[in-house]
Amino acid sequence: MKLEQNDKSMLFSSTEIPDVFFTEYLSQANGDFVKVYLYLLFLSKYDKDIKINDLSKKLALPLKTIQEAFKYWEECGVLVKKTTGYILSNIQETELLKLYSPKLTSSPEDIEKSEKNQYRIKAIENINNQFFQGLMSPSWYNDIDLWFKKYGFDEQVMLALFNYCYDRQALHRNYLQVVADSWYKNKIRSFSDLDSYYQKQEKISLIKKQIIKKLGLNRNLTTYEDAYLEKWVIDFGYSIDIIELALKRSTSKANISFDYFDKTISDWHDRNLKTPVEIQNFLESRKKKTQEIKELEKKTNYNNNSSTQRNYDNLDNLFAN
């Protein structure tokens, strides 16, 4: 007896999307790229042969976008190029292989076996419940475990990292990695380190707004200008009162840049001037010396001119005789 499956018309058929696509790929992919993937997934059921130009017309997307989508999914391992075209890989199998790569990561089960990691497990559970509604993919456990080891963050910092990215609607691995790298370079390990970092950033942000207002700028500061500002505030420990002294000195000059401000402020720092009073005294002292030099030069020139005049008088007398 032979049993045959009843052929369904397209009206009654459906395309299955693995849950792992939603947990691992959806949030990081461009919307047009997702559109391309879903249509390719649909076509793959019917072994359809379609050209990229036709795909562009069918999805109402530019040809360049289609090509970029294919390149993106290839880099993700979702699309595999063959001599005759492409094949969609089994992303469930792909993620499974990532989970069980030998000794490269720790599985959730391995973490739970260690009694000393109970506090860390609690933090990961909080991340799962707060940011993934309890549906965090197993691969996230591996990434979080690796970040703990790589950056040396304590549990509160790791929670703050996810919260920071979540608030900016950028809860995906690439952005988390960038922020984590930045925090690590700024010597953030504990929550107290992070709190100090936030206070410094808040101070810089406040001074930045004041500088923009005082200079009458209709734009934000550039990355390079931000670097100068961080140098003055964090490295030198200077307040807006000191920075403003440098800004005021530019009022009589045209096309003043932050390079000019930096040379002035760095000179004060090199002279170990730490307060506005010390800087004002230094500026007044230098102004006084400059004035004395000018007066001396004026007096010297006057004497030289008098001597020259007397010589001319003698010559006139000589020719007169």
C-alpha atoms as a PDB file:
ATOM      1  CA  MET A   1       0.000   0.000   0.000  1.00  0.00           C
ATOM      2  CA  LYS A   2       1.393   3.320  -0.995  1.00  0.00           C
ATOM      3  CA  LEU A   3       0.474   6.546   0.738  1.00  0.00           C
ATOM      4  CA  GLU A   4       0.906   9.788  -1.093  1.00  0.00           C
ATOM      5  CA  GLN A   5       0.906  13.275   0.351  1.00  0.00           C
ATOM      6  CA  ASN A   6      -1.893  15.450  -0.849  1.00  0.00           C
ATOM      7  CA  ASP A   7      -0.483  18.303  -2.880  1.00  0.00           C
ATOM      8  CA  LYS A   8      -1.481  21.634  -1.407  1.00  0.00           C
ATOM      9  CA  SER A   9      -2.099  24.655  -3.530  1.00  0.00           C
ATOM     10  CA  MET A  10      -0.063  27.752  -2.706  1.00  0.00           C
ATOM     11  CA  LEU A  11      -3.170  29.219  -1.119  1.00  0.00           C
ATOM     12  CA  PHE A  12      -3.030  26.615   1.686  1.00  0.00           C
ATOM     13  CA  SER A  13       0.723  26.193   2.008  1.00  0.00           C
ATOM     14  CA  SER A  14       2.978  27.982   4.492  1.00  0.00           C
ATOM     15  CA  THR A  15       6.656  28.823   4.887  1.00  0.00           C
ATOM     16  CA  GLU A  16       8.262  27.921   8.190  1.00  0.00           C
ATOM     17  CA  ILE A  17      10.739  30.358   9.737  1.00  0.00           C
ATOM     18  CA  PRO A  18      12.997  28.986  12.485  1.00  0.00           C
ATOM     19  CA  ASP A  19      12.714  30.748  15.830  1.00  0.00           C
ATOM     20  CA  VAL A  20      16.472  31.122  15.898  1.00  0.00           C
ATOM     21  CA  PHE A  21      16.130  33.592  13.001  1.00  0.00           C
ATOM     22  CA  PHE A  22      14.234  35.952  15.298  1.00  0.00           C
ATOM     23  CA  THR A  23      16.642  35.590  18.217  1.00  0.00           C
ATOM     24  CA  GLU A  24      19.937  35.659  16.311  1.00  0.00           C
ATOM     25  CA  TYR A  25      19.504  37.447  12.968  1.00  0.00           C
ATOM     26  CA  LEU A  26      16.438  39.676  12.826  1.00  0.00           C
ATOM     27  CA  SER A  27      17.579  42.495  15.108  1.00  0.00           C
ATOM     28  CA  GLN A  28      20.940  42.932  13.360  1.00  0.00           C
ATOM     29  CA  ALA A  29      19.820  42.750   9.735  1.00  0.00           C
ATOM     30  CA  ASN A  30      18.727  45.640   7.556  1.00  0.00           C
ATOM     31  CA  GLY A  31      14.976  45.569   6.844  1.00  0.00           C
ATOM     32  CA  ASP A  32      15.518  45.155   3.100  1.00  0.00           C
ATOM     33  CA  PHE A  33      17.933  42.290   3.752  1.00  0.00           C
ATOM     34  CA  VAL A  34      15.286  40.536   5.860  1.00  0.00           C
ATOM     35  CA  LYS A  35      12.835  41.027   3.001  1.00  0.00           C
ATOM     36  CA  VAL A  36      15.260  39.337   0.603  1.00  0.00           C
ATOM     37  CA  TYR A  37      15.884  36.434   3.001  1.00  0.00           C
ATOM     38  CA  LEU A  38      12.189  35.738   3.526  1.00  0.00           C
ATOM     39  CA  TYR A  39      11.505  35.682  -0.191  1.00  0.00           C
ATOM     40  CA  LEU A  40      14.479  33.402  -0.828  1.00  0.00           C
ATOM     41  CA  LEU A  41      13.223  31.104   1.916  1.00  0.00           C
ATOM     42  CA  PHE A  42       9.852  31.008   0.218  1.00  0.00           C
ATOM     43  CA  LEU A  43      11.358  30.289  -3.221  1.00  0.00           C
ATOM     44  CA  SER A  44      13.657  27.566  -1.895  1.00  0.00           C
ATOM     45  CA  LYS A  45      10.652  25.341  -1.117  1.00  0.00           C
ATOM     46  CA  TYR A  46       9.796  25.153  -4.795  1.00  0.00           C
ATOM     47  CA  ASP A  47      13.332  24.892  -6.227  1.00  0.00           C
ATOM     48  CA  LYS A  48      12.666  28.033  -8.206  1.00  0.00           C
ATOM     49  CA  ASP A  49      15.277  29.470 -10.523  1.00  0.00           C
ATOM     50  CA  ILE A  50      15.228  33.254 -10.378  1.00  0.00           C
ATOM     51  CA  LYS A  51      17.643  35.902 -11.607  1.00  0.00           C
ATOM     52  CA  ILE A  52      18.811  38.802  -9.450  1.00  0.00           C
ATOM     53  CA  ASN A  53      17.253  41.308 -11.865  1.00  0.00           C
ATOM     54  CA  ASP A  54      13.903  39.536 -11.559  1.00  0.00           C
ATOM     55  CA  LEU A  55      14.292  39.496  -7.772  1.00  0.00           C
ATOM     56  CA  SER A  56      14.885  43.239  -7.834  1.00  0.00           C
ATOM     57  CA  LYS A  57      11.660  43.816  -9.754  1.00  0.00           C
ATOM     58  CA  LYS A  58       9.636  41.365  -7.692  1.00  0.00           C
ATOM     59  CA  LEU A  59      10.644  42.919  -4.350  1.00  0.00           C
ATOM     60  CA  ALA A  60      10.703  46.500  -5.663  1.00  0.00           C
ATOM     61  CA  LEU A  61      14.260  46.932  -4.432  1.00  0.00           C
ATOM     62  CA  PRO A  62      17.261  48.441  -6.244  1.00  0.00           C
ATOM     63  CA  LEU A  63      19.616  45.916  -7.812  1.00  0.00           C
ATOM     64  CA  LYS A  64      22.434  47.208  -5.607  1.00  0.00           C
ATOM     65  CA  THR A  65      20.365  46.463  -2.477  1.00  0.00           C
ATOM     66  CA  ILE A  66      19.740  42.898  -3.663  1.00  0.00           C
ATOM     67  CA  GLN A  67      23.464  42.391  -4.244  1.00  0.00           C
ATOM     68  CA  GLU A  68      24.313  43.834  -0.827  1.00  0.00           C
ATOM     69  CA  ALA A  69      21.708  41.564   0.778  1.00  0.00           C
ATOM     70  CA  PHE A  70      23.240  38.475  -0.851  1.00  0.00           C
ATOM     71  CA  LYS A  71      26.708  39.542   0.342  1.00  0.00           C
ATOM     72  CA  TYR A  72      25.410  40.169   3.885  1.00  0.00           C
ATOM     73  CA  TRP A  73      23.690  36.773   4.185  1.00  0.00           C
ATOM     74  CA  GLU A  74      26.769  35.063   2.738  1.00  0.00           C
ATOM     75  CA  GLU A  75      28.930  36.668   5.452  1.00  0.00           C
ATOM     76  CA  CYS A  76      26.415  35.500   8.069  1.00  0.00           C
ATOM     77  CA  GLY A  77      26.609  31.969   6.707  1.00  0.00           C
ATOM     78  CA  VAL A  78      22.904  31.967   5.848  1.00  0.00           C
ATOM     79  CA  LEU A  79      23.524  31.835   2.093  1.00  0.00           C
ATOM     80  CA  VAL A  80      26.128  29.497   0.606  1.00  0.00           C
ATOM     81  CA  LYS A  81      27.302  30.144  -2.942  1.00  0.00           C
ATOM     82  CA  LYS A  82      27.397  27.192  -5.313  1.00  0.00           C
ATOM     83  CA  THR A  83      28.542  26.901  -8.902  1.00  0.00           C
ATOM     84  CA  THR A  84      24.951  26.915 -10.107  1.00  0.00           C
ATOM     85  CA  GLY A  85      23.581  29.492  -7.658  1.00  0.00           C
ATOM     86  CA  TYR A  86      22.936  29.640  -3.941  1.00  0.00           C
ATOM     87  CA  ILE A  87      21.649  27.367  -1.221  1.00  0.00           C
ATOM     88  CA  LEU A  88      20.035  28.454   2.024  1.00  0.00           C
ATOM     89  CA  SER A  89      21.832  26.907   4.950  1.00  0.00           C
ATOM     90  CA  ASN A  90      20.033  25.411   7.915  1.00  0.00           C
ATOM     91  CA  ILE A  91      20.461  28.198  10.456  1.00  0.00           C
ATOM     92  CA  GLN A  92      19.328  25.921  13.291  1.00  0.00           C
ATOM     93  CA  GLU A  93      22.209  23.580  12.505  1.00  0.00           C
ATOM     94  CA  THR A  94      24.567  26.558  12.143  1.00  0.00           C
ATOM     95  CA  GLU A  95      23.690  27.865  15.604  1.00  0.00           C
ATOM     96  CA  LEU A  96      23.948  24.389  17.082  1.00  0.00           C
ATOM     97  CA  LEU A  97      27.506  24.049  15.787  1.00  0.00           C
ATOM     98  CA  LYS A  98      28.363  27.431  17.341  1.00  0.00           C
ATOM     99  CA  LEU A  99      27.072  26.250  20.695  1.00  0.00           C
ATOM    100  CA  TYR A 100      29.087  23.066  20.713  1.00  0.00           C
ATOM    101  CA  SER A 101      32.365  24.361  19.295  1.00  0.00           C
ATOM    102  CA  PRO A 102      34.973  22.607  21.456  1.00  0.00           C
ATOM    103  CA  LYS A 103      36.294  24.651  24.412  1.00  0.00           C
ATOM    104  CA  LEU A 104      35.734  27.990  22.723  1.00  0.00           C
ATOM    105  CA  THR A 105      32.785  28.970  24.898  1.00  0.00           C
ATOM    106  CA  SER A 106      30.895  27.799  27.938  1.00  0.00           C
ATOM    107  CA  SER A 107      27.348  26.539  27.612  1.00  0.00           C
ATOM    108  CA  PRO A 108      24.584  27.699  29.980  1.00  0.00           C
ATOM    109  CA  GLU A 109      24.739  24.278  31.647  1.00  0.00           C
ATOM    110  CA  ASP A 110      28.476  24.649  32.322  1.00  0.00           C
ATOM    111  CA  ILE A 111      27.948  28.029  33.939  1.00  0.00           C
ATOM    112  CA  GLU A 112      25.198  26.722  36.195  1.00  0.00           C
ATOM    113  CA  LYS A 113      27.391  23.858  37.461  1.00  0.00           C
ATOM    114  CA  SER A 114      29.812  26.260  39.099  1.00  0.00           C
ATOM    115  CA  GLU A 115      28.712  27.381  42.559  1.00  0.00           C
ATOM    116  CA  LYS A 116      30.962  30.442  42.516  1.00  0.00           C
ATOM    117  CA  ASN A 117      29.101  31.788  39.480  1.00  0.00           C
ATOM    118  CA  GLN A 118      25.670  31.863  41.115  1.00  0.00           C
ATOM    119  CA  TYR A 119      25.656  35.666  41.336  1.00  0.00           C
ATOM    120  CA  ARG A 120      26.654  35.886  37.700  1.00  0.00           C
ATOM    121  CA  ILE A 121      23.916  33.424  36.754  1.00  0.00           C
ATOM    122  CA  LYS A 122      21.435  35.672  38.521  1.00  0.00           C
ATOM    123  CA  ALA A 123      22.660  38.657  36.510  1.00  0.00           C
ATOM    124  CA  ILE A 124      22.279  36.724  33.249  1.00  0.00           C
ATOM    125  CA  GLU A 125      18.770  35.693  34.271  1.00  0.00           C
ATOM    126  CA  ASN A 126      17.949  39.355  34.854  1.00  0.00           C
ATOM    127  CA  ILE A 127      19.284  40.192  31.388  1.00  0.00           C
ATOM    128  CA  ASN A 128      17.164  37.400  29.914  1.00  0.00           C
ATOM    129  CA  ASN A 129      13.981  38.521  31.673  1.00  0.00           C
ATOM    130  CA  GLN A 130      14.458  42.270  31.314  1.00  0.00           C
ATOM    131  CA  PHE A 131      15.671  42.532  27.723  1.00  0.00           C
ATOM    132  CA  PHE A 132      14.579  39.285  26.035  1.00  0.00           C
ATOM    133  CA  GLN A 133      11.259  38.589  27.811  1.00  0.00           C
ATOM    134  CA  GLY A 134      12.681  35.258  28.995  1.00  0.00           C
ATOM    135  CA  LEU A 135      13.409  34.089  25.423  1.00  0.00           C
ATOM    136  CA  MET A 136      17.148  34.771  25.199  1.00  0.00           C
ATOM    137  CA  SER A 137      18.893  32.508  22.691  1.00  0.00           C
ATOM    138  CA  PRO A 138      21.489  30.074  24.095  1.00  0.00           C
ATOM    139  CA  SER A 139      24.233  31.759  22.060  1.00  0.00           C
ATOM    140  CA  TRP A 140      23.756  34.937  24.100  1.00  0.00           C
ATOM    141  CA  TYR A 141      24.814  32.982  27.205  1.00  0.00           C
ATOM    142  CA  ASN A 142      28.100  32.197  25.468  1.00  0.00           C
ATOM    143  CA  ASP A 143      28.676  35.799  24.397  1.00  0.00           C
ATOM    144  CA  ILE A 144      27.936  37.191  27.853  1.00  0.00           C
ATOM    145  CA  ASP A 145      30.236  34.618  29.445  1.00  0.00           C
ATOM    146  CA  LEU A 146      33.025  35.559  27.017  1.00  0.00           C
ATOM    147  CA  TRP A 147      32.526  39.279  27.677  1.00  0.00           C
ATOM    148  CA  PHE A 148      32.803  38.676  31.404  1.00  0.00           C
ATOM    149  CA  LYS A 149      36.167  36.987  30.808  1.00  0.00           C
ATOM    150  CA  LYS A 150      37.437  39.416  28.154  1.00  0.00           C
ATOM    151  CA  TYR A 151      36.566  42.704  29.859  1.00  0.00           C
ATOM    152  CA  GLY A 152      36.562  41.749  33.525  1.00  0.00           C
ATOM    153  CA  PHE A 153      33.241  43.519  34.089  1.00  0.00           C
ATOM    154  CA  ASP A 154      31.379  42.852  37.285  1.00  0.00           C
ATOM    155  CA  GLU A 155      27.726  41.813  37.104  1.00  0.00           C
ATOM    156  CA  GLN A 156      26.336  45.319  37.622  1.00  0.00           C
ATOM    157  CA  VAL A 157      28.436  46.692  34.766  1.00  0.00           C
ATOM    158  CA  MET A 158      27.199  43.922  32.454  1.00  0.00           C
ATOM    159  CA  LEU A 159      23.598  44.762  33.341  1.00  0.00           C
ATOM    160  CA  ALA A 160      24.339  48.452  32.755  1.00  0.00           C
ATOM    161  CA  LEU A 161      25.860  47.592  29.360  1.00  0.00           C
ATOM    162  CA  PHE A 162      22.665  45.886  28.187  1.00  0.00           C
ATOM    163  CA  ASN A 163      20.533  48.661  29.633  1.00  0.00           C
ATOM    164  CA  TYR A 164      22.622  51.323  27.859  1.00  0.00           C
ATOM    165  CA  CYS A 165      22.228  49.643  24.463  1.00  0.00           C
ATOM    166  CA  TYR A 166      18.558  48.819  25.065  1.00  0.00           C
ATOM    167  CA  ASP A 167      17.743  52.471  25.813  1.00  0.00           C
ATOM    168  CA  ARG A 168      19.298  53.403  22.477  1.00  0.00           C
ATOM    169  CA  GLN A 169      17.335  50.711  20.620  1.00  0.00           C
ATOM    170  CA  ALA A 170      20.599  49.036  19.634  1.00  0.00           C
ATOM    171  CA  LEU A 171      20.476  45.742  21.500  1.00  0.00           C
ATOM    172  CA  HIS A 172      22.567  43.721  19.087  1.00  0.00           C
ATOM    173  CA  ARG A 173      25.978  42.132  19.387  1.00  0.00           C
ATOM    174  CA  ASN A 174      27.983  44.554  17.237  1.00  0.00           C
ATOM    175  CA  TYR A 175      26.847  47.639  19.154  1.00  0.00           C
ATOM    176  CA  LEU A 176      27.253  45.911  22.519  1.00  0.00           C
ATOM    177  CA  GLN A 177      30.797  44.984  21.531  1.00  0.00           C
ATOM    178  CA  VAL A 178      31.650  48.570  20.536  1.00  0.00           C
ATOM    179  CA  VAL A 179      30.318  49.996  23.815  1.00  0.00           C
ATOM    180  CA  ALA A 180      32.039  47.265  25.847  1.00  0.00           C
ATOM    181  CA  ASP A 181      35.362  48.027  24.118  1.00  0.00           C
ATOM    182  CA  SER A 182      34.947  51.732  24.882  1.00  0.00           C
ATOM    183  CA  TRP A 183      34.188  51.094  28.546  1.00  0.00           C
ATOM    184  CA  TYR A 184      37.140  48.720  28.839  1.00  0.00           C
ATOM    185  CA  LYS A 185      39.507  51.323  27.320  1.00  0.00           C
ATOM    186  CA  ASN A 186      38.220  53.825  29.884  1.00  0.00           C
ATOM    187  CA  LYS A 187      39.262  51.396  32.651  1.00  0.00           C
ATOM    188  CA  ILE A 188      35.704  50.493  33.662  1.00  0.00           C
ATOM    189  CA  ARG A 189      35.549  47.231  35.588  1.00  0.00           C
ATOM    190  CA  SER A 190      33.273  47.838  38.568  1.00  0.00           C
ATOM    191  CA  PHE A 191      30.064  49.776  38.990  1.00  0.00           C
ATOM    192  CA  SER A 192      31.928  52.503  40.887  1.00  0.00           C
ATOM    193  CA  ASP A 193      34.228  52.872  37.844  1.00  0.00           C
ATOM    194  CA  LEU A 194      31.162  53.211  35.637  1.00  0.00           C
ATOM    195  CA  ASP A 195      29.603  55.774  37.978  1.00  0.00           C
ATOM    196  CA  SER A 196      32.784  57.884  37.879  1.00  0.00           C
ATOM    197  CA  TYR A 197      32.848  57.588  34.092  1.00  0.00           C
ATOM    198  CA  TYR A 198      29.242  58.786  33.833  1.00  0.00           C
ATOM    199  CA  GLN A 199      30.013  61.755  36.089  1.00  0.00           C
ATOM    200  CA  LYS A 200      32.955  62.729  33.883  1.00  0.00           C
ATOM    201  CA  GLN A 201      30.846  62.394  30.739  1.00  0.00           C
ATOM    202  CA  GLU A 202      28.080  64.491  32.287  1.00  0.00           C
ATOM    203  CA  LYS A 203      30.619  67.156  33.209  1.00  0.00           C
ATOM    204  CA  ILE A 204      32.052  67.153  29.683  1.00  0.00           C
ATOM    205  CA  SER A 205      28.551  67.363  28.182  1.00  0.00           C
ATOM    206  CA  LEU A 206      27.680  70.375  30.331  1.00  0.00           C
ATOM    207  CA  ILE A 207      30.904  72.213  29.488  1.00  0.00           C
ATOM    208  CA  LYS A 208      30.440  71.365  25.798  1.00  0.00           C
ATOM    209  CA  LYS A 209      27.018  73.069  25.777  1.00  0.00           C
ATOM    210  CA  GLN A 210      28.502  76.132  27.477  1.00  0.00           C
ATOM    211  CA  ILE A 211      31.352  76.355  24.940  1.00  0.00           C
ATOM    212  CA  ILE A 212      28.964  76.044  21.993  1.00  0.00           C
ATOM    213  CA  LYS A 213      26.829  78.830  23.457  1.00  0.00           C
ATOM    214  CA  LYS A 214      29.747  81.132  24.301  1.00  0.00           C
ATOM    215  CA  LEU A 215      31.295  80.719  20.822  1.00  0.00           C
ATOM    216  CA  GLY A 216      27.901  81.183  19.154  1.00  0.00           C
ATOM    217  CA  LEU A 217      28.251  77.959  17.176  1.00  0.00           C
ATOM    218  CA  ASN A 218      25.267  76.677  15.205  1.00  0.00           C
ATOM    219  CA  ARG A 219      26.584  73.130  15.230  1.00  0.00           C
ATOM    220  CA  ASN A 220      27.800  70.419  17.549  1.00  0.00           C
ATOM    221  CA  LEU A 221      31.491  69.877  18.195  1.00  0.00           C
ATOM    222  CA  THR A 222      33.396  67.550  15.906  1.00  0.00           C
ATOM    223  CA  THR A 223      35.053  64.351  17.103  1.00  0.00           C
ATOM    224  CA  TYR A 224      38.436  66.105  17.162  1.00  0.00           C
ATOM    225  CA  GLU A 225      37.061  69.062  19.123  1.00  0.00           C
ATOM    226  CA  ASP A 226      35.466  66.612  21.570  1.00  0.00           C
ATOM    227  CA  ALA A 227      38.902  65.035  22.044  1.00  0.00           C
ATOM    228  CA  TYR A 228      40.401  68.444  22.900  1.00  0.00           C
ATOM    229  CA  LEU A 229      37.588  69.106  25.370  1.00  0.00           C
ATOM    230  CA  GLU A 230      38.077  65.738  27.068  1.00  0.00           C
ATOM    231  CA  LYS A 231      41.789  66.483  27.333  1.00  0.00           C
ATOM    232  CA  TRP A 232      41.164  69.836  29.051  1.00  0.00           C
ATOM    233  CA  VAL A 233      38.485  68.568  31.412  1.00  0.00           C
ATOM    234  CA  ILE A 234      39.637  65.016  32.231  1.00  0.00           C
ATOM    235  CA  ASP A 235      43.412  65.046  31.731  1.00  0.00           C
ATOM    236  CA  PHE A 236      44.073  68.633  32.897  1.00  0.00           C
ATOM    237  CA  GLY A 237      41.179  68.852  35.361  1.00  0.00           C
ATOM    238  CA  TYR A 238      40.216  72.330  34.121  1.00  0.00           C
ATOM    239  CA  SER A 239      36.772  73.863  34.715  1.00  0.00           C
ATOM    240  CA  ILE A 240      34.734  76.050  32.375  1.00  0.00           C
ATOM    241  CA  ASP A 241      36.103  79.105  34.232  1.00  0.00           C
ATOM    242  CA  ILE A 242      39.616  78.354  33.003  1.00  0.00           C
ATOM    243  CA  ILE A 243      38.537  77.284  29.505  1.00  0.00           C
ATOM    244  CA  GLU A 244      36.510  80.492  29.179  1.00  0.00           C
ATOM    245  CA  LEU A 245      39.668  82.547  29.794  1.00  0.00           C
ATOM    246  CA  ALA A 246      41.131  80.973  26.655  1.00  0.00           C
ATOM    247  CA  LEU A 247      37.912  81.572  24.699  1.00  0.00           C
ATOM    248  CA  LYS A 248      37.877  85.272  25.648  1.00  0.00           C
ATOM    249  CA  ARG A 249      41.413  85.739  24.337  1.00  0.00           C
ATOM    250  CA  SER A 250      40.168  84.886  20.828  1.00  0.00           C
ATOM    251  CA  THR A 251      37.591  87.676  20.582  1.00  0.00           C
ATOM    252  CA  SER A 252      39.988  90.028  18.768  1.00  0.00           C
ATOM    253  CA  LYS A 253      41.248  87.364  16.373  1.00  0.00           C
ATOM    254  CA  ALA A 254      39.641  85.919  13.227  1.00  0.00           C
ATOM    255  CA  ASN A 255      39.195  82.241  12.301  1.00  0.00           C
ATOM    256  CA  ILE A 256      40.309  80.914  15.688  1.00  0.00           C
ATOM    257  CA  SER A 257      40.294  77.106  15.853  1.00  0.00           C
ATOM    258  CA  PHE A 258      40.347  74.632  18.706  1.00  0.00           C
ATOM    259  CA  ASP A 259      44.034  74.099  17.876  1.00  0.00           C
ATOM    260  CA  TYR A 260      44.655  77.654  19.065  1.00  0.00           C
ATOM    261  CA  PHE A 261      42.659  77.076  22.265  1.00  0.00           C
ATOM    262  CA  ASP A 262      44.526  73.836  22.891  1.00  0.00           C
ATOM    263  CA  LYS A 263      47.942  75.478  22.540  1.00  0.00           C
ATOM    264  CA  THR A 264      46.918  78.184  24.996  1.00  0.00           C
ATOM    265  CA  ILE A 265      45.367  75.831  27.552  1.00  0.00           C
ATOM    266  CA  SER A 266      48.174  73.273  27.225  1.00  0.00           C
ATOM    267  CA  ASP A 267      50.713  76.057  27.842  1.00  0.00           C
ATOM    268  CA  TRP A 268      48.911  76.943  31.100  1.00  0.00           C
ATOM    269  CA  HIS A 269      48.930  73.300  32.115  1.00  0.00           C
ATOM    270  CA  ASP A 270      52.654  72.960  31.311  1.00  0.00           C
ATOM    271  CA  ARG A 271      53.290  75.972  33.551  1.00  0.00           C
ATOM    272  CA  ASN A 272      51.415  74.177  36.359  1.00  0.00           C
ATOM    273  CA  LEU A 273      48.723  76.863  36.506  1.00  0.00           C
ATOM    274  CA  LYS A 274      45.731  75.254  38.195  1.00  0.00           C
ATOM    275  CA  THR A 275      43.236  77.996  39.068  1.00  0.00           C
ATOM    276  CA  PRO A 276      41.680  80.985  37.263  1.00  0.00           C
ATOM    277  CA  VAL A 277      43.446  83.320  39.737  1.00  0.00           C
ATOM    278  CA  GLU A 278      46.868  81.829  38.955  1.00  0.00           C
ATOM    279  CA  ILE A 279      46.202  82.147  35.231  1.00  0.00           C
ATOM    280  CA  GLN A 280      44.966  85.757  35.575  1.00  0.00           C
ATOM    281  CA  ASN A 281      48.095  86.674  37.546  1.00  0.00           C
ATOM    282  CA  PHE A 282      50.260  85.008  34.889  1.00  0.00           C
ATOM    283  CA  LEU A 283      48.485  86.885  32.071  1.00  0.00           C
ATOM    284  CA  GLU A 284      48.766  90.238  33.873  1.00  0.00           C
ATOM    285  CA  SER A 285      52.435  89.615  34.583  1.00  0.00           C
ATOM    286  CA  ARG A 286      53.114  88.779  30.953  1.00  0.00           C
ATOM    287  CA  LYS A 287      51.111  91.812  29.813  1.00  0.00           C
ATOM    288  CA  LYS A 288      53.162  94.027  32.106  1.00  0.00           C
ATOM    289  CA  LYS A 289      56.436  92.606  30.775  1.00  0.00           C
ATOM    290  CA  THR A 290      55.242  93.097  27.204  1.00  0.00           C
ATOM    291  CA  GLN A 291      54.389  96.714  27.974  1.00  0.00           C
ATOM    292  CA  GLU A 292      57.793  97.298  29.558  1.00  0.00           C
ATOM    293  CA  ILE A 293      59.505  95.859  26.493  1.00  0.00           C
ATOM    294  CA  LYS A 294      57.478  98.142  24.207  1.00  0.00           C
ATOM    295  CA  GLU A 295      58.348 101.185  26.280  1.00  0.00           C
ATOM    296  CA  LEU A 296      62.008 100.222  26.237  1.00  0.00           C
ATOM    297  CA  GLU A 297      61.922  99.758  22.476  1.00  0.00           C
ATOM    298  CA  LYS A 298      60.167 103.101  22.087  1.00  0.00           C
ATOM    299  CA  LYS A 299      62.761 104.840  24.234  1.00  0.00           C
ATOM    300  CA  THR A 300      65.620 103.182  22.368  1.00  0.00           C
ATOM    301  CA  ASN A 301      64.186 104.197  19.011  1.00  0.00           C
ATOM    302  CA  TYR A 302      63.717 107.764  20.279  1.00  0.00           C
ATOM    303  CA  ASN A 303      67.384 108.023  21.306  1.00  0.00           C
ATOM    304  CA  ASN A 304      68.501 106.548  17.994  1.00  0.00           C
ATOM    305  CA  ASN A 305      66.373 109.060  16.085  1.00  0.00           C
ATOM    306  CA  SER A 306      67.797 111.969  18.159  1.00  0.00           C
ATOM    307  CA  SER A 307      71.339 110.863  17.423  1.00  0.00           C
ATOM    308  CA  THR A 308      70.566 110.569  13.754  1.00  0.00           C
ATOM    309  CA  GLN A 309      68.993 114.012  13.742  1.00  0.00           C
ATOM    310  CA  ARG A 310      72.094 115.564  15.368  1.00  0.00           C
ATOM    311  CA  ASN A 311      74.276 113.951  12.714  1.00  0.00           C
ATOM    312  CA  TYR A 312      72.072 115.460  10.042  1.00  0.00           C
ATOM    313  CA  ASP A 313      72.394 118.894  11.700  1.00  0.00           C
ATOM    314  CA  ASN A 314      76.191 118.612  11.723  1.00  0.00           C
ATOM    315  CA  LEU A 315      76.240 117.709   8.066  1.00  0.00           C
ATOM    316  CA  ASP A 316      74.028 120.672   7.238  1.00  0.00           C
ATOM    317  CA  ASN A 317      76.392 122.982   9.079  1.00  0.00           C
ATOM    318  CA  LEU A 318      79.338 121.428   7.261  1.00  0.00           C
ATOM    319  CA  PHE A 319      77.796 121.985   3.822  1.00  0.00           C
ATOM    320  CA  ALA A 320      76.718 125.471   4.849  1.00  0.00           C
ATOM    321  CA  ASN A 321      80.327 126.381   5.598  1.00  0.00           C
END
